[in-house]
Amino acid sequence: MAERVEPTGSGASSAGPAAPTRIAPWLAIYTVGRFAIAVALVLLLWWLGLAGFLGLLLGVLLSMPVSYLLLRPSRDRLTAALAARSTARKQAKAAREARLAGDD
């Protein structure tokens, strides 16, 4: 039984040092950027004289391609963070299943 505790301890220590990928900061940056671009375009259109619902609708619609172009770096970092998190979770799940199956 003591032999079985040692591999479990070493397996847990190898999974422990892996730092989780931070997603929240990149998600917040991207979300705030999208809202800021939409608000800026709506205000610009209202300032140019396209007031009312039409200015709001056009500003929100124009913000989509503008955000796609301007926020590419933060979107790429967010995508990379999500992919790294997914990979880490799959590895942790495989390690946990191997421990439970006794395949140490």
C-alpha atoms as a PDB file:
ATOM      1  CA  MET A   1       0.000   0.000   0.000  1.00  0.00           C
ATOM      2  CA  ALA A   2       2.944   2.334   0.671  1.00  0.00           C
ATOM      3  CA  GLU A   3       4.133   1.727  -2.905  1.00  0.00           C
ATOM      4  CA  ARG A   4       0.820   2.849  -4.246  1.00  0.00           C
ATOM      5  CA  VAL A   5       0.892   6.132  -2.291  1.00  0.00           C
ATOM      6  CA  GLU A   6       4.310   7.128  -3.729  1.00  0.00           C
ATOM      7  CA  PRO A   7       3.290   7.176  -7.440  1.00  0.00           C
ATOM      8  CA  THR A   8       0.101   9.026  -6.609  1.00  0.00           C
ATOM      9  CA  GLY A   9       2.093  11.643  -4.702  1.00  0.00           C
ATOM     10  CA  SER A  10       4.595  12.095  -7.555  1.00  0.00           C
ATOM     11  CA  GLY A  11       1.765  12.254 -10.102  1.00  0.00           C
ATOM     12  CA  ALA A  12      -0.011  14.918  -8.093  1.00  0.00           C
ATOM     13  CA  SER A  13       3.197  16.938  -7.733  1.00  0.00           C
ATOM     14  CA  SER A  14       3.813  16.841 -11.500  1.00  0.00           C
ATOM     15  CA  ALA A  15       0.299  18.162 -12.156  1.00  0.00           C
ATOM     16  CA  GLY A  16       0.489  20.747  -9.358  1.00  0.00           C
ATOM     17  CA  PRO A  17       3.215  23.124 -10.656  1.00  0.00           C
ATOM     18  CA  ALA A  18       1.422  23.770 -13.949  1.00  0.00           C
ATOM     19  CA  ALA A  19       0.115  27.317 -13.673  1.00  0.00           C
ATOM     20  CA  PRO A  20      -3.447  27.795 -14.889  1.00  0.00           C
ATOM     21  CA  THR A  21      -3.848  30.058 -17.893  1.00  0.00           C
ATOM     22  CA  ARG A  22      -5.385  33.414 -17.074  1.00  0.00           C
ATOM     23  CA  ILE A  23      -8.398  34.041 -19.309  1.00  0.00           C
ATOM     24  CA  ALA A  24     -10.333  36.718 -17.423  1.00  0.00           C
ATOM     25  CA  PRO A  25      -7.951  39.634 -18.174  1.00  0.00           C
ATOM     26  CA  TRP A  26      -7.958  38.962 -21.914  1.00  0.00           C
ATOM     27  CA  LEU A  27     -11.711  38.459 -21.935  1.00  0.00           C
ATOM     28  CA  ALA A  28     -12.204  41.745 -20.082  1.00  0.00           C
ATOM     29  CA  ILE A  29      -9.876  43.625 -22.440  1.00  0.00           C
ATOM     30  CA  TYR A  30     -11.663  42.259 -25.495  1.00  0.00           C
ATOM     31  CA  THR A  31     -15.149  42.923 -24.115  1.00  0.00           C
ATOM     32  CA  VAL A  32     -14.353  46.465 -22.979  1.00  0.00           C
ATOM     33  CA  GLY A  33     -12.706  47.121 -26.344  1.00  0.00           C
ATOM     34  CA  ARG A  34     -15.801  45.971 -28.218  1.00  0.00           C
ATOM     35  CA  PHE A  35     -18.064  48.181 -26.107  1.00  0.00           C
ATOM     36  CA  ALA A  36     -15.705  51.164 -26.418  1.00  0.00           C
ATOM     37  CA  ILE A  37     -15.568  50.895 -30.201  1.00  0.00           C
ATOM     38  CA  ALA A  38     -19.356  50.584 -30.432  1.00  0.00           C
ATOM     39  CA  VAL A  39     -19.925  53.589 -28.163  1.00  0.00           C
ATOM     40  CA  ALA A  40     -17.328  55.665 -30.037  1.00  0.00           C
ATOM     41  CA  LEU A  41     -18.922  54.910 -33.401  1.00  0.00           C
ATOM     42  CA  VAL A  42     -22.448  55.623 -32.146  1.00  0.00           C
ATOM     43  CA  LEU A  43     -21.327  58.943 -30.663  1.00  0.00           C
ATOM     44  CA  LEU A  44     -19.454  59.828 -33.853  1.00  0.00           C
ATOM     45  CA  LEU A  45     -22.522  59.126 -35.969  1.00  0.00           C
ATOM     46  CA  TRP A  46     -24.722  61.142 -33.618  1.00  0.00           C
ATOM     47  CA  TRP A  47     -22.215  63.995 -33.722  1.00  0.00           C
ATOM     48  CA  LEU A  48     -22.271  63.866 -37.542  1.00  0.00           C
ATOM     49  CA  GLY A  49     -26.050  64.286 -37.488  1.00  0.00           C
ATOM     50  CA  LEU A  50     -27.346  60.731 -37.814  1.00  0.00           C
ATOM     51  CA  ALA A  51     -29.387  60.856 -34.622  1.00  0.00           C
ATOM     52  CA  GLY A  52     -31.926  58.454 -33.200  1.00  0.00           C
ATOM     53  CA  PHE A  53     -32.322  54.744 -33.612  1.00  0.00           C
ATOM     54  CA  LEU A  54     -30.753  54.725 -37.080  1.00  0.00           C
ATOM     55  CA  GLY A  55     -27.492  56.173 -35.730  1.00  0.00           C
ATOM     56  CA  LEU A  56     -27.471  53.644 -32.911  1.00  0.00           C
ATOM     57  CA  LEU A  57     -28.162  50.732 -35.230  1.00  0.00           C
ATOM     58  CA  LEU A  58     -25.606  51.831 -37.820  1.00  0.00           C
ATOM     59  CA  GLY A  59     -22.979  52.456 -35.130  1.00  0.00           C
ATOM     60  CA  VAL A  60     -23.445  49.001 -33.635  1.00  0.00           C
ATOM     61  CA  LEU A  61     -23.352  47.354 -37.065  1.00  0.00           C
ATOM     62  CA  LEU A  62     -20.215  49.266 -38.073  1.00  0.00           C
ATOM     63  CA  SER A  63     -18.518  48.365 -34.813  1.00  0.00           C
ATOM     64  CA  MET A  64     -18.473  44.679 -35.757  1.00  0.00           C
ATOM     65  CA  PRO A  65     -15.953  44.846 -38.632  1.00  0.00           C
ATOM     66  CA  VAL A  66     -13.999  47.646 -36.939  1.00  0.00           C
ATOM     67  CA  SER A  67     -13.670  45.552 -33.779  1.00  0.00           C
ATOM     68  CA  TYR A  68     -12.661  42.554 -35.853  1.00  0.00           C
ATOM     69  CA  LEU A  69      -9.800  44.541 -37.367  1.00  0.00           C
ATOM     70  CA  LEU A  70      -8.674  46.584 -34.358  1.00  0.00           C
ATOM     71  CA  LEU A  71      -8.945  43.941 -31.633  1.00  0.00           C
ATOM     72  CA  ARG A  72      -7.155  41.131 -33.451  1.00  0.00           C
ATOM     73  CA  PRO A  73      -4.147  40.994 -31.069  1.00  0.00           C
ATOM     74  CA  SER A  74      -6.266  40.689 -27.941  1.00  0.00           C
ATOM     75  CA  ARG A  75      -8.594  38.212 -29.647  1.00  0.00           C
ATOM     76  CA  ASP A  76      -5.601  36.079 -30.650  1.00  0.00           C
ATOM     77  CA  ARG A  77      -4.244  36.137 -27.084  1.00  0.00           C
ATOM     78  CA  LEU A  78      -7.670  35.199 -25.722  1.00  0.00           C
ATOM     79  CA  THR A  79      -7.921  32.340 -28.205  1.00  0.00           C
ATOM     80  CA  ALA A  80      -4.443  31.103 -27.254  1.00  0.00           C
ATOM     81  CA  ALA A  81      -5.320  31.278 -23.555  1.00  0.00           C
ATOM     82  CA  LEU A  82      -8.529  29.321 -24.137  1.00  0.00           C
ATOM     83  CA  ALA A  83      -6.669  26.693 -26.166  1.00  0.00           C
ATOM     84  CA  ALA A  84      -3.981  26.355 -23.469  1.00  0.00           C
ATOM     85  CA  ARG A  85      -6.631  26.001 -20.789  1.00  0.00           C
ATOM     86  CA  SER A  86      -8.442  23.348 -22.806  1.00  0.00           C
ATOM     87  CA  THR A  87      -5.219  21.401 -23.318  1.00  0.00           C
ATOM     88  CA  ALA A  88      -4.352  21.618 -19.623  1.00  0.00           C
ATOM     89  CA  ARG A  89      -7.823  20.404 -18.648  1.00  0.00           C
ATOM     90  CA  LYS A  90      -7.603  17.462 -21.083  1.00  0.00           C
ATOM     91  CA  GLN A  91      -4.192  16.500 -19.692  1.00  0.00           C
ATOM     92  CA  ALA A  92      -5.444  16.767 -16.113  1.00  0.00           C
ATOM     93  CA  LYS A  93      -8.470  14.641 -16.979  1.00  0.00           C
ATOM     94  CA  ALA A  94      -6.287  11.992 -18.640  1.00  0.00           C
ATOM     95  CA  ALA A  95      -3.946  11.943 -15.634  1.00  0.00           C
ATOM     96  CA  ARG A  96      -6.883  11.665 -13.226  1.00  0.00           C
ATOM     97  CA  GLU A  97      -8.439   8.824 -15.229  1.00  0.00           C
ATOM     98  CA  ALA A  98      -5.083   7.044 -15.366  1.00  0.00           C
ATOM     99  CA  ARG A  99      -4.697   7.360 -11.597  1.00  0.00           C
ATOM    100  CA  LEU A 100      -8.205   6.044 -11.015  1.00  0.00           C
ATOM    101  CA  ALA A 101      -7.643   3.148 -13.408  1.00  0.00           C
ATOM    102  CA  GLY A 102      -4.349   2.305 -11.719  1.00  0.00           C
ATOM    103  CA  ASP A 103      -2.220   2.846 -14.847  1.00  0.00           C
ATOM    104  CA  ASP A 104       0.461   4.843 -12.990  1.00  0.00           C
END
